[in-house]
N, C-alpha and C. Protein backbone atom coordinates (compact mmCIF):
# COMPACT_ATOMS: atom_id res chain seq x y z
N MET A 1 -41.35 138.05 -64.53
CA MET A 1 -39.90 138.24 -64.38
C MET A 1 -39.56 138.52 -62.91
N THR A 2 -38.60 137.79 -62.39
CA THR A 2 -38.19 137.99 -61.01
C THR A 2 -37.19 139.14 -60.91
N LEU A 3 -37.46 140.04 -59.97
CA LEU A 3 -36.61 141.20 -59.73
C LEU A 3 -35.99 141.10 -58.34
N THR A 4 -35.04 141.97 -58.06
CA THR A 4 -34.39 142.01 -56.75
C THR A 4 -34.35 143.44 -56.23
N MET A 5 -34.71 143.61 -54.97
CA MET A 5 -34.67 144.91 -54.32
C MET A 5 -33.86 144.79 -53.03
N ARG A 6 -32.96 145.73 -52.82
CA ARG A 6 -32.17 145.74 -51.58
C ARG A 6 -32.98 146.40 -50.47
N VAL A 7 -33.23 145.67 -49.40
CA VAL A 7 -33.92 146.21 -48.23
C VAL A 7 -33.06 145.91 -47.01
N GLY A 8 -32.52 146.95 -46.40
CA GLY A 8 -31.57 146.73 -45.31
C GLY A 8 -30.39 145.94 -45.84
N SER A 9 -30.09 144.82 -45.20
CA SER A 9 -28.97 143.98 -45.61
C SER A 9 -29.41 142.79 -46.45
N LEU A 10 -30.68 142.77 -46.87
CA LEU A 10 -31.21 141.65 -47.63
C LEU A 10 -31.41 142.01 -49.11
N ASP A 11 -31.12 141.07 -49.98
CA ASP A 11 -31.48 141.17 -51.39
C ASP A 11 -32.79 140.41 -51.57
N VAL A 12 -33.88 141.15 -51.73
CA VAL A 12 -35.22 140.57 -51.71
C VAL A 12 -35.70 140.30 -53.13
N ARG A 13 -36.04 139.05 -53.40
CA ARG A 13 -36.55 138.64 -54.70
C ARG A 13 -38.08 138.73 -54.70
N TYR A 14 -38.66 139.15 -55.83
CA TYR A 14 -40.10 139.32 -55.94
C TYR A 14 -40.47 139.43 -57.42
N ASP A 15 -41.78 139.41 -57.71
CA ASP A 15 -42.25 139.72 -59.06
C ASP A 15 -43.58 140.45 -58.94
N GLU A 16 -44.28 140.61 -60.07
CA GLU A 16 -45.49 141.42 -60.08
C GLU A 16 -46.66 140.79 -59.32
N SER A 17 -46.53 139.54 -58.89
CA SER A 17 -47.60 138.88 -58.15
C SER A 17 -47.63 139.29 -56.68
N VAL A 18 -46.59 139.98 -56.22
CA VAL A 18 -46.54 140.46 -54.83
C VAL A 18 -46.22 141.95 -54.83
N LEU A 19 -46.46 142.59 -53.70
CA LEU A 19 -46.17 144.02 -53.59
C LEU A 19 -44.66 144.24 -53.66
N GLU A 20 -44.25 145.19 -54.47
CA GLU A 20 -42.83 145.51 -54.58
C GLU A 20 -42.28 145.96 -53.23
N PRO A 21 -41.23 145.33 -52.73
CA PRO A 21 -40.65 145.76 -51.45
C PRO A 21 -40.16 147.20 -51.52
N ARG A 22 -40.46 147.97 -50.50
CA ARG A 22 -39.99 149.35 -50.42
C ARG A 22 -38.82 149.40 -49.44
N PRO A 23 -37.67 149.96 -49.84
CA PRO A 23 -36.53 150.00 -48.94
C PRO A 23 -36.83 150.66 -47.59
N TRP A 24 -37.74 151.65 -47.57
CA TRP A 24 -38.03 152.35 -46.32
C TRP A 24 -38.72 151.45 -45.30
N THR A 25 -39.29 150.32 -45.74
CA THR A 25 -39.96 149.43 -44.79
C THR A 25 -38.97 148.75 -43.85
N ALA A 26 -37.68 148.88 -44.13
CA ALA A 26 -36.68 148.37 -43.19
C ALA A 26 -36.84 149.03 -41.82
N ALA A 27 -37.43 150.22 -41.78
CA ALA A 27 -37.63 150.90 -40.50
C ALA A 27 -38.50 150.08 -39.56
N GLN A 28 -39.46 149.35 -40.10
CA GLN A 28 -40.31 148.51 -39.25
C GLN A 28 -39.50 147.37 -38.64
N ALA A 29 -38.67 146.75 -39.45
CA ALA A 29 -37.82 145.67 -38.95
C ALA A 29 -36.84 146.18 -37.90
N GLU A 30 -36.30 147.35 -38.13
CA GLU A 30 -35.33 147.93 -37.19
C GLU A 30 -36.00 148.27 -35.86
N LEU A 31 -37.22 148.82 -35.92
CA LEU A 31 -37.95 149.11 -34.68
C LEU A 31 -38.26 147.81 -33.94
N ALA A 32 -38.71 146.80 -34.67
CA ALA A 32 -39.03 145.53 -34.05
C ALA A 32 -37.81 144.91 -33.37
N ALA A 33 -36.67 144.97 -34.04
CA ALA A 33 -35.45 144.40 -33.47
C ALA A 33 -35.02 145.17 -32.23
N ASP A 34 -35.21 146.48 -32.24
CA ASP A 34 -34.88 147.29 -31.08
C ASP A 34 -35.78 146.94 -29.89
N VAL A 35 -37.07 146.81 -30.16
CA VAL A 35 -38.03 146.44 -29.11
C VAL A 35 -37.73 145.04 -28.58
N ALA A 36 -37.29 144.16 -29.46
CA ALA A 36 -37.06 142.76 -29.11
C ALA A 36 -36.00 142.59 -28.02
N ARG A 37 -35.11 143.56 -27.90
CA ARG A 37 -34.04 143.44 -26.89
C ARG A 37 -34.59 143.29 -25.47
N ASP A 38 -35.77 143.85 -25.24
CA ASP A 38 -36.34 143.83 -23.89
C ASP A 38 -37.47 142.82 -23.74
N LEU A 39 -37.64 141.95 -24.74
CA LEU A 39 -38.72 140.97 -24.70
C LEU A 39 -38.20 139.60 -24.29
N ALA A 40 -39.12 138.73 -23.92
CA ALA A 40 -38.77 137.36 -23.57
C ALA A 40 -38.19 136.64 -24.79
N HIS A 41 -37.47 135.55 -24.53
CA HIS A 41 -36.93 134.76 -25.62
C HIS A 41 -38.08 134.10 -26.38
N GLY A 42 -37.82 133.82 -27.64
CA GLY A 42 -38.83 133.16 -28.45
C GLY A 42 -38.87 133.73 -29.85
N PRO A 43 -39.53 133.03 -30.76
CA PRO A 43 -39.57 133.46 -32.16
C PRO A 43 -40.49 134.64 -32.37
N LEU A 44 -40.30 135.30 -33.50
CA LEU A 44 -41.22 136.37 -33.89
C LEU A 44 -42.19 135.83 -34.93
N LEU A 45 -43.32 136.49 -35.03
CA LEU A 45 -44.36 136.15 -35.99
C LEU A 45 -44.61 137.35 -36.90
N GLU A 46 -44.62 137.10 -38.22
CA GLU A 46 -45.01 138.16 -39.14
C GLU A 46 -46.28 137.75 -39.88
N LEU A 47 -47.30 138.60 -39.79
CA LEU A 47 -48.56 138.40 -40.51
C LEU A 47 -48.56 139.26 -41.77
N CYS A 48 -49.22 138.79 -42.82
CA CYS A 48 -49.24 139.51 -44.10
C CYS A 48 -47.82 139.77 -44.57
N CYS A 49 -47.02 138.71 -44.67
CA CYS A 49 -45.57 138.88 -44.84
C CYS A 49 -45.15 139.31 -46.24
N GLY A 50 -46.00 139.12 -47.26
CA GLY A 50 -45.57 139.46 -48.61
C GLY A 50 -44.32 138.68 -48.99
N ALA A 51 -43.35 139.36 -49.57
CA ALA A 51 -42.10 138.71 -49.96
C ALA A 51 -41.22 138.36 -48.76
N GLY A 52 -41.64 138.76 -47.56
CA GLY A 52 -40.97 138.34 -46.34
C GLY A 52 -39.88 139.24 -45.83
N HIS A 53 -39.61 140.35 -46.54
CA HIS A 53 -38.41 141.13 -46.22
C HIS A 53 -38.44 141.76 -44.83
N ILE A 54 -39.62 142.19 -44.36
CA ILE A 54 -39.66 142.87 -43.06
C ILE A 54 -39.41 141.88 -41.93
N GLY A 55 -40.14 140.77 -41.94
CA GLY A 55 -39.95 139.77 -40.89
C GLY A 55 -38.58 139.13 -40.93
N LEU A 56 -38.09 138.89 -42.13
CA LEU A 56 -36.76 138.27 -42.26
C LEU A 56 -35.67 139.21 -41.77
N LEU A 57 -35.79 140.49 -42.10
CA LEU A 57 -34.79 141.45 -41.63
C LEU A 57 -34.86 141.60 -40.12
N ALA A 58 -36.07 141.60 -39.56
CA ALA A 58 -36.22 141.67 -38.10
C ALA A 58 -35.62 140.45 -37.43
N ALA A 59 -35.82 139.28 -38.03
CA ALA A 59 -35.24 138.05 -37.49
C ALA A 59 -33.72 138.10 -37.54
N LEU A 60 -33.20 138.61 -38.64
CA LEU A 60 -31.74 138.71 -38.79
C LEU A 60 -31.15 139.68 -37.78
N LEU A 61 -31.79 140.84 -37.61
CA LEU A 61 -31.27 141.86 -36.70
C LEU A 61 -31.38 141.44 -35.23
N SER A 62 -32.43 140.72 -34.90
CA SER A 62 -32.66 140.32 -33.50
C SER A 62 -32.14 138.91 -33.21
N HIS A 63 -31.73 138.21 -34.26
CA HIS A 63 -31.30 136.81 -34.19
C HIS A 63 -32.35 135.96 -33.48
N ARG A 64 -33.59 136.13 -33.91
CA ARG A 64 -34.71 135.31 -33.43
C ARG A 64 -35.24 134.47 -34.58
N ASP A 65 -35.67 133.26 -34.25
CA ASP A 65 -36.36 132.45 -35.24
C ASP A 65 -37.66 133.16 -35.63
N ALA A 66 -38.22 132.77 -36.77
CA ALA A 66 -39.38 133.50 -37.28
C ALA A 66 -40.39 132.57 -37.93
N VAL A 67 -41.66 132.95 -37.80
CA VAL A 67 -42.77 132.32 -38.50
C VAL A 67 -43.42 133.40 -39.36
N LEU A 68 -43.49 133.17 -40.68
CA LEU A 68 -44.06 134.13 -41.62
C LEU A 68 -45.34 133.57 -42.21
N VAL A 69 -46.38 134.41 -42.29
CA VAL A 69 -47.70 133.96 -42.74
C VAL A 69 -48.22 134.88 -43.84
N ASP A 70 -48.79 134.28 -44.89
CA ASP A 70 -49.47 135.07 -45.91
C ASP A 70 -50.50 134.22 -46.62
N LEU A 71 -51.58 134.86 -47.08
CA LEU A 71 -52.64 134.19 -47.82
C LEU A 71 -52.25 133.96 -49.28
N ASN A 72 -51.34 134.80 -49.78
CA ASN A 72 -50.92 134.74 -51.18
C ASN A 72 -49.85 133.66 -51.35
N GLU A 73 -50.15 132.64 -52.15
CA GLU A 73 -49.22 131.54 -52.33
C GLU A 73 -47.90 132.01 -52.94
N ALA A 74 -47.98 132.96 -53.88
CA ALA A 74 -46.76 133.49 -54.50
C ALA A 74 -45.89 134.20 -53.46
N ALA A 75 -46.52 134.94 -52.56
CA ALA A 75 -45.77 135.62 -51.50
C ALA A 75 -45.02 134.61 -50.64
N CYS A 76 -45.67 133.50 -50.34
CA CYS A 76 -45.02 132.48 -49.52
C CYS A 76 -43.84 131.85 -50.24
N ARG A 77 -43.97 131.66 -51.55
CA ARG A 77 -42.84 131.11 -52.32
C ARG A 77 -41.65 132.05 -52.28
N PHE A 78 -41.91 133.34 -52.44
CA PHE A 78 -40.80 134.30 -52.39
C PHE A 78 -40.23 134.41 -50.97
N SER A 79 -41.09 134.32 -49.97
CA SER A 79 -40.59 134.35 -48.58
C SER A 79 -39.66 133.18 -48.32
N GLU A 80 -40.04 132.01 -48.82
CA GLU A 80 -39.18 130.82 -48.69
C GLU A 80 -37.83 131.06 -49.37
N ASP A 81 -37.88 131.61 -50.55
CA ASP A 81 -36.66 131.89 -51.31
C ASP A 81 -35.80 132.91 -50.56
N ASN A 82 -36.41 133.99 -50.13
CA ASN A 82 -35.65 135.05 -49.46
C ASN A 82 -35.15 134.63 -48.09
N ALA A 83 -35.80 133.64 -47.48
CA ALA A 83 -35.38 133.17 -46.16
C ALA A 83 -34.02 132.49 -46.18
N THR A 84 -33.59 132.08 -47.36
CA THR A 84 -32.29 131.38 -47.46
C THR A 84 -31.16 132.21 -46.88
N GLN A 85 -31.20 133.52 -47.11
CA GLN A 85 -30.14 134.40 -46.60
C GLN A 85 -30.12 134.43 -45.08
N VAL A 86 -31.29 134.33 -44.47
CA VAL A 86 -31.39 134.40 -43.02
C VAL A 86 -31.05 133.05 -42.40
N ARG A 87 -31.54 131.99 -43.02
CA ARG A 87 -31.23 130.65 -42.50
C ARG A 87 -29.74 130.38 -42.51
N ALA A 88 -29.02 131.01 -43.44
CA ALA A 88 -27.58 130.82 -43.53
C ALA A 88 -26.85 131.33 -42.29
N THR A 89 -27.51 132.20 -41.51
CA THR A 89 -26.90 132.73 -40.29
C THR A 89 -27.25 131.90 -39.06
N GLY A 90 -28.03 130.82 -39.26
CA GLY A 90 -28.41 129.97 -38.14
C GLY A 90 -29.79 130.27 -37.58
N VAL A 91 -30.50 131.22 -38.17
CA VAL A 91 -31.85 131.55 -37.73
C VAL A 91 -32.86 130.67 -38.47
N SER A 92 -33.78 130.07 -37.73
CA SER A 92 -34.80 129.21 -38.32
C SER A 92 -35.98 130.05 -38.80
N VAL A 93 -36.48 129.74 -40.00
CA VAL A 93 -37.63 130.45 -40.57
C VAL A 93 -38.65 129.43 -41.07
N SER A 94 -39.90 129.60 -40.64
CA SER A 94 -41.00 128.78 -41.12
C SER A 94 -41.99 129.68 -41.85
N VAL A 95 -42.40 129.29 -43.05
CA VAL A 95 -43.35 130.06 -43.85
C VAL A 95 -44.65 129.26 -43.97
N ARG A 96 -45.78 129.91 -43.65
CA ARG A 96 -47.07 129.22 -43.67
C ARG A 96 -48.03 129.93 -44.62
N HIS A 97 -48.64 129.15 -45.47
CA HIS A 97 -49.58 129.68 -46.46
C HIS A 97 -51.01 129.45 -46.00
N GLY A 98 -51.80 130.53 -45.91
CA GLY A 98 -53.20 130.38 -45.54
C GLY A 98 -53.70 131.58 -44.76
N GLU A 99 -54.96 131.51 -44.36
CA GLU A 99 -55.55 132.56 -43.53
C GLU A 99 -54.83 132.60 -42.19
N MET A 100 -54.53 133.81 -41.73
CA MET A 100 -53.80 133.93 -40.46
C MET A 100 -54.59 133.36 -39.30
N THR A 101 -55.90 133.32 -39.42
CA THR A 101 -56.73 132.77 -38.34
C THR A 101 -56.71 131.25 -38.33
N ASP A 102 -56.18 130.63 -39.40
CA ASP A 102 -56.22 129.17 -39.53
C ASP A 102 -54.86 128.50 -39.36
N VAL A 103 -53.78 129.17 -39.71
CA VAL A 103 -52.49 128.49 -39.80
C VAL A 103 -51.68 128.52 -38.51
N LEU A 104 -52.21 129.18 -37.49
CA LEU A 104 -51.52 129.22 -36.20
C LEU A 104 -52.26 128.34 -35.21
N ASP A 105 -51.53 127.52 -34.48
CA ASP A 105 -52.15 126.67 -33.46
C ASP A 105 -52.61 127.51 -32.29
N GLU A 106 -53.66 127.07 -31.65
CA GLU A 106 -54.27 127.85 -30.58
C GLU A 106 -53.27 128.21 -29.48
N GLY A 107 -52.38 127.28 -29.16
CA GLY A 107 -51.46 127.53 -28.05
C GLY A 107 -50.16 128.19 -28.43
N GLU A 108 -49.95 128.49 -29.69
CA GLU A 108 -48.69 129.12 -30.11
C GLU A 108 -48.60 130.55 -29.57
N GLN A 109 -47.45 130.87 -28.99
CA GLN A 109 -47.23 132.19 -28.40
C GLN A 109 -45.92 132.77 -28.92
N PHE A 110 -45.93 134.08 -29.13
CA PHE A 110 -44.76 134.79 -29.64
C PHE A 110 -44.57 136.07 -28.84
N PRO A 111 -43.34 136.39 -28.46
CA PRO A 111 -43.11 137.65 -27.75
C PRO A 111 -43.15 138.87 -28.67
N LEU A 112 -43.06 138.64 -29.98
CA LEU A 112 -43.02 139.75 -30.94
C LEU A 112 -43.83 139.39 -32.18
N VAL A 113 -44.74 140.28 -32.55
CA VAL A 113 -45.55 140.08 -33.77
C VAL A 113 -45.41 141.33 -34.64
N LEU A 114 -45.21 141.12 -35.93
CA LEU A 114 -45.15 142.22 -36.91
C LEU A 114 -46.23 142.01 -37.95
N ALA A 115 -46.70 143.10 -38.53
CA ALA A 115 -47.64 143.00 -39.64
C ALA A 115 -47.57 144.26 -40.49
N ASP A 116 -47.60 144.06 -41.80
CA ASP A 116 -47.72 145.15 -42.77
C ASP A 116 -48.93 144.83 -43.64
N PRO A 117 -50.14 144.99 -43.09
CA PRO A 117 -51.34 144.59 -43.81
C PRO A 117 -51.71 145.59 -44.90
N PRO A 118 -52.56 145.19 -45.85
CA PRO A 118 -53.10 146.17 -46.80
C PRO A 118 -53.81 147.28 -46.04
N TYR A 119 -53.56 148.53 -46.40
CA TYR A 119 -54.20 149.62 -45.64
C TYR A 119 -54.77 150.74 -46.52
N ILE A 120 -54.88 150.50 -47.81
CA ILE A 120 -55.48 151.48 -48.70
C ILE A 120 -57.00 151.26 -48.74
N PRO A 121 -57.82 152.29 -48.49
CA PRO A 121 -59.27 152.12 -48.62
C PRO A 121 -59.63 151.65 -50.02
N SER A 122 -60.63 150.78 -50.10
CA SER A 122 -60.98 150.16 -51.38
C SER A 122 -61.21 151.17 -52.49
N HIS A 123 -61.85 152.30 -52.17
CA HIS A 123 -62.18 153.27 -53.21
C HIS A 123 -60.96 154.05 -53.71
N GLN A 124 -59.80 153.85 -53.05
CA GLN A 124 -58.59 154.55 -53.48
C GLN A 124 -57.56 153.63 -54.14
N THR A 125 -57.87 152.35 -54.23
CA THR A 125 -56.87 151.41 -54.77
C THR A 125 -56.54 151.68 -56.24
N GLY A 126 -57.45 152.33 -56.96
CA GLY A 126 -57.19 152.66 -58.36
C GLY A 126 -56.04 153.61 -58.56
N HIS A 127 -55.63 154.30 -57.48
CA HIS A 127 -54.49 155.21 -57.57
C HIS A 127 -53.16 154.45 -57.62
N PHE A 128 -53.21 153.13 -57.42
CA PHE A 128 -51.99 152.32 -57.38
C PHE A 128 -52.13 151.15 -58.35
N PRO A 129 -52.21 151.44 -59.66
CA PRO A 129 -52.53 150.40 -60.65
C PRO A 129 -51.48 149.31 -60.80
N THR A 130 -50.25 149.56 -60.40
CA THR A 130 -49.21 148.54 -60.56
C THR A 130 -49.09 147.62 -59.36
N ASP A 131 -49.81 147.91 -58.28
CA ASP A 131 -49.75 147.08 -57.08
C ASP A 131 -50.86 146.01 -57.11
N PRO A 132 -50.54 144.76 -56.74
CA PRO A 132 -51.58 143.72 -56.69
C PRO A 132 -52.69 144.13 -55.71
N LEU A 133 -53.93 144.00 -56.14
CA LEU A 133 -55.05 144.44 -55.32
C LEU A 133 -55.07 143.75 -53.96
N VAL A 134 -54.76 142.47 -53.94
CA VAL A 134 -54.80 141.71 -52.69
C VAL A 134 -53.80 142.25 -51.66
N ALA A 135 -52.76 142.93 -52.15
CA ALA A 135 -51.71 143.42 -51.27
C ALA A 135 -51.96 144.82 -50.73
N ILE A 136 -52.97 145.52 -51.29
CA ILE A 136 -53.19 146.91 -50.86
C ILE A 136 -54.60 147.20 -50.40
N ASP A 137 -55.59 146.40 -50.78
CA ASP A 137 -56.99 146.70 -50.48
C ASP A 137 -57.32 146.37 -49.03
N GLY A 138 -57.50 147.43 -48.24
CA GLY A 138 -57.79 147.26 -46.82
C GLY A 138 -59.25 147.43 -46.46
N GLY A 139 -60.14 147.38 -47.45
CA GLY A 139 -61.56 147.52 -47.14
C GLY A 139 -62.01 148.97 -47.11
N ALA A 140 -63.21 149.19 -46.61
CA ALA A 140 -63.86 150.50 -46.68
C ALA A 140 -63.01 151.61 -46.09
N ASP A 141 -62.43 151.39 -44.92
CA ASP A 141 -61.61 152.43 -44.28
C ASP A 141 -60.12 152.10 -44.29
N GLY A 142 -59.77 151.01 -44.97
CA GLY A 142 -58.37 150.62 -45.07
C GLY A 142 -57.85 149.79 -43.92
N LEU A 143 -58.72 149.47 -42.96
CA LEU A 143 -58.24 148.82 -41.74
C LEU A 143 -58.82 147.42 -41.49
N ASP A 144 -59.50 146.85 -42.49
CA ASP A 144 -60.09 145.53 -42.28
C ASP A 144 -59.06 144.49 -41.87
N LEU A 145 -58.00 144.36 -42.68
CA LEU A 145 -56.97 143.36 -42.38
C LEU A 145 -56.14 143.76 -41.17
N ALA A 146 -55.95 145.06 -40.98
CA ALA A 146 -55.19 145.53 -39.83
C ALA A 146 -55.90 145.14 -38.53
N ARG A 147 -57.22 145.24 -38.52
CA ARG A 147 -57.98 144.83 -37.33
C ARG A 147 -57.83 143.33 -37.06
N THR A 148 -57.83 142.56 -38.14
CA THR A 148 -57.62 141.12 -37.98
C THR A 148 -56.23 140.83 -37.42
N CYS A 149 -55.23 141.57 -37.90
CA CYS A 149 -53.87 141.42 -37.38
C CYS A 149 -53.80 141.73 -35.89
N VAL A 150 -54.51 142.75 -35.47
CA VAL A 150 -54.55 143.10 -34.05
C VAL A 150 -55.19 141.97 -33.25
N HIS A 151 -56.31 141.45 -33.75
CA HIS A 151 -57.01 140.37 -33.05
C HIS A 151 -56.14 139.12 -32.95
N VAL A 152 -55.57 138.71 -34.08
CA VAL A 152 -54.73 137.52 -34.10
C VAL A 152 -53.45 137.75 -33.30
N GLY A 153 -52.85 138.92 -33.48
CA GLY A 153 -51.63 139.23 -32.74
C GLY A 153 -51.84 139.19 -31.25
N ALA A 154 -52.93 139.77 -30.78
CA ALA A 154 -53.21 139.79 -29.35
C ALA A 154 -53.40 138.37 -28.82
N ARG A 155 -54.04 137.54 -29.61
CA ARG A 155 -54.32 136.17 -29.17
C ARG A 155 -53.04 135.34 -29.05
N HIS A 156 -52.04 135.67 -29.87
CA HIS A 156 -50.83 134.85 -29.90
C HIS A 156 -49.61 135.53 -29.26
N LEU A 157 -49.79 136.71 -28.73
CA LEU A 157 -48.69 137.37 -28.02
C LEU A 157 -48.56 136.85 -26.61
N THR A 158 -47.32 136.69 -26.17
CA THR A 158 -47.09 136.40 -24.76
C THR A 158 -47.39 137.65 -23.94
N PRO A 159 -47.78 137.52 -22.68
CA PRO A 159 -47.96 138.70 -21.84
C PRO A 159 -46.69 139.54 -21.82
N GLY A 160 -46.86 140.84 -22.02
CA GLY A 160 -45.71 141.73 -22.10
C GLY A 160 -45.09 141.80 -23.48
N GLY A 161 -45.63 141.02 -24.42
CA GLY A 161 -45.11 141.01 -25.78
C GLY A 161 -45.49 142.26 -26.55
N ALA A 162 -44.91 142.42 -27.73
CA ALA A 162 -45.10 143.64 -28.52
C ALA A 162 -45.60 143.33 -29.93
N LEU A 163 -46.48 144.19 -30.42
CA LEU A 163 -46.99 144.13 -31.78
C LEU A 163 -46.57 145.40 -32.51
N VAL A 164 -45.95 145.25 -33.67
CA VAL A 164 -45.51 146.38 -34.47
C VAL A 164 -46.22 146.33 -35.82
N LEU A 165 -47.09 147.30 -36.05
CA LEU A 165 -47.90 147.37 -37.27
C LEU A 165 -47.45 148.52 -38.15
N GLN A 166 -47.45 148.27 -39.46
CA GLN A 166 -47.21 149.36 -40.40
C GLN A 166 -48.56 149.80 -40.98
N LEU A 167 -48.80 151.11 -40.96
CA LEU A 167 -50.06 151.68 -41.42
C LEU A 167 -49.81 152.87 -42.33
N ARG A 168 -50.88 153.43 -42.84
CA ARG A 168 -50.75 154.51 -43.81
C ARG A 168 -50.31 155.81 -43.17
N ASP A 169 -50.91 156.14 -42.01
CA ASP A 169 -50.63 157.43 -41.38
C ASP A 169 -51.02 157.40 -39.91
N ARG A 170 -50.81 158.52 -39.24
CA ARG A 170 -51.11 158.62 -37.81
C ARG A 170 -52.61 158.48 -37.53
N ASP A 171 -53.44 158.94 -38.45
CA ASP A 171 -54.89 158.82 -38.25
C ASP A 171 -55.31 157.36 -38.17
N GLN A 172 -54.82 156.55 -39.09
CA GLN A 172 -55.12 155.12 -39.02
C GLN A 172 -54.57 154.51 -37.74
N ALA A 173 -53.37 154.91 -37.36
CA ALA A 173 -52.76 154.38 -36.15
C ALA A 173 -53.60 154.69 -34.91
N GLN A 174 -54.15 155.88 -34.84
CA GLN A 174 -54.97 156.26 -33.70
C GLN A 174 -56.26 155.45 -33.64
N VAL A 175 -56.89 155.26 -34.79
CA VAL A 175 -58.11 154.46 -34.84
C VAL A 175 -57.82 153.04 -34.37
N LEU A 176 -56.74 152.47 -34.86
CA LEU A 176 -56.41 151.10 -34.52
C LEU A 176 -55.97 150.97 -33.06
N ALA A 177 -55.26 151.96 -32.55
CA ALA A 177 -54.84 151.93 -31.15
C ALA A 177 -56.05 151.91 -30.22
N ASP A 178 -57.07 152.69 -30.55
CA ASP A 178 -58.29 152.69 -29.75
C ASP A 178 -58.97 151.34 -29.80
N ASP A 179 -59.00 150.72 -30.98
CA ASP A 179 -59.62 149.41 -31.15
C ASP A 179 -58.83 148.33 -30.42
N ALA A 180 -57.51 148.46 -30.42
CA ALA A 180 -56.63 147.44 -29.84
C ALA A 180 -56.81 147.30 -28.33
N MET A 181 -57.24 148.36 -27.68
CA MET A 181 -57.41 148.30 -26.23
C MET A 181 -58.40 147.21 -25.83
N ARG A 182 -59.37 146.92 -26.69
CA ARG A 182 -60.36 145.88 -26.40
C ARG A 182 -59.73 144.49 -26.39
N HIS A 183 -58.55 144.38 -26.99
CA HIS A 183 -57.85 143.10 -27.04
C HIS A 183 -56.68 143.05 -26.05
N GLY A 184 -56.63 144.00 -25.13
CA GLY A 184 -55.59 143.99 -24.12
C GLY A 184 -54.26 144.53 -24.59
N LEU A 185 -54.27 145.29 -25.69
CA LEU A 185 -53.04 145.89 -26.22
C LEU A 185 -53.03 147.36 -25.85
N VAL A 186 -51.98 147.78 -25.16
CA VAL A 186 -51.96 149.12 -24.57
C VAL A 186 -50.65 149.84 -24.90
N ASP A 187 -50.50 151.02 -24.31
CA ASP A 187 -49.29 151.83 -24.43
C ASP A 187 -48.90 152.10 -25.89
N PRO A 188 -49.82 152.61 -26.70
CA PRO A 188 -49.50 152.84 -28.12
C PRO A 188 -48.42 153.89 -28.31
N GLU A 189 -47.51 153.60 -29.23
CA GLU A 189 -46.50 154.55 -29.65
C GLU A 189 -46.51 154.60 -31.17
N VAL A 190 -46.57 155.79 -31.74
CA VAL A 190 -46.64 155.95 -33.19
C VAL A 190 -45.37 156.64 -33.69
N THR A 191 -44.76 156.06 -34.70
CA THR A 191 -43.57 156.63 -35.31
C THR A 191 -43.84 156.88 -36.79
N GLN A 192 -43.64 158.11 -37.23
CA GLN A 192 -43.79 158.44 -38.65
C GLN A 192 -42.50 158.09 -39.38
N VAL A 193 -42.63 157.39 -40.50
CA VAL A 193 -41.45 157.01 -41.29
C VAL A 193 -41.35 157.95 -42.48
N GLY A 194 -40.69 159.07 -42.28
CA GLY A 194 -40.57 160.06 -43.34
C GLY A 194 -41.93 160.43 -43.87
N GLY A 195 -42.08 160.49 -45.18
CA GLY A 195 -43.38 160.76 -45.78
C GLY A 195 -44.04 159.50 -46.29
N HIS A 196 -43.67 158.35 -45.75
CA HIS A 196 -44.12 157.08 -46.30
C HIS A 196 -45.28 156.45 -45.54
N GLY A 197 -45.16 156.27 -44.25
CA GLY A 197 -46.16 155.56 -43.48
C GLY A 197 -45.94 155.77 -42.00
N ALA A 198 -46.72 155.05 -41.21
CA ALA A 198 -46.62 155.17 -39.76
C ALA A 198 -46.48 153.78 -39.14
N LEU A 199 -45.69 153.68 -38.08
CA LEU A 199 -45.53 152.44 -37.35
C LEU A 199 -46.23 152.57 -36.00
N LEU A 200 -47.05 151.59 -35.69
CA LEU A 200 -47.78 151.57 -34.43
C LEU A 200 -47.24 150.44 -33.57
N LEU A 201 -46.71 150.79 -32.41
CA LEU A 201 -46.21 149.82 -31.44
C LEU A 201 -47.22 149.68 -30.32
N LEU A 202 -47.63 148.45 -30.04
CA LEU A 202 -48.57 148.15 -28.96
C LEU A 202 -47.97 147.04 -28.10
N ARG A 203 -48.36 147.03 -26.84
CA ARG A 203 -47.85 145.99 -25.92
C ARG A 203 -49.01 145.29 -25.24
N LYS A 204 -48.84 143.98 -25.05
CA LYS A 204 -49.88 143.20 -24.39
C LYS A 204 -49.71 143.31 -22.87
N LYS A 205 -50.84 143.48 -22.20
CA LYS A 205 -50.81 143.61 -20.74
C LYS A 205 -50.17 142.36 -20.12
N LEU A 206 -49.44 142.58 -19.05
CA LEU A 206 -48.85 141.46 -18.30
C LEU A 206 -49.93 140.71 -17.54
């Protein structure tokens, strides 16, 4: 059964095959749009897009074209559906299904990259029985996919570009910030979103 959740100014359609959109995740889109004001022109990229609400809302707020990527075919279908609201404003949205390491061309560059990867440690996923495993299982320490997002994001960011990641908490953000330095991502800033999660902002060296 298809349901609808209001996230920011978007009515997001989804079902049990994807992670239920959380209204508080609009904070990631809002931060990304705020950061985008000082970035070079160009589209944004969202990795692990799920139903697409975060990247689509960021695209709408910043009026930037967007490329959304997810391995889950159902997530891509819902992203395509939800993109209709954004395309109606003149913003172009492309949705790509597949591994994030495969669906981006080597030379593609983006001034802004967002990701909300699975970040629950594998041994704790049983605490969330209604969430699809593929959408929450982040491996042994919860950061397997997040590390891939950092690697891919760094490779496709323009110099001076920004990466905005959603994570479980400040501890995960600190671990990932230390790891990101090896990929040329610096100046970490962590924002706590109420009692929900943490946002990690990183910038690529010029």
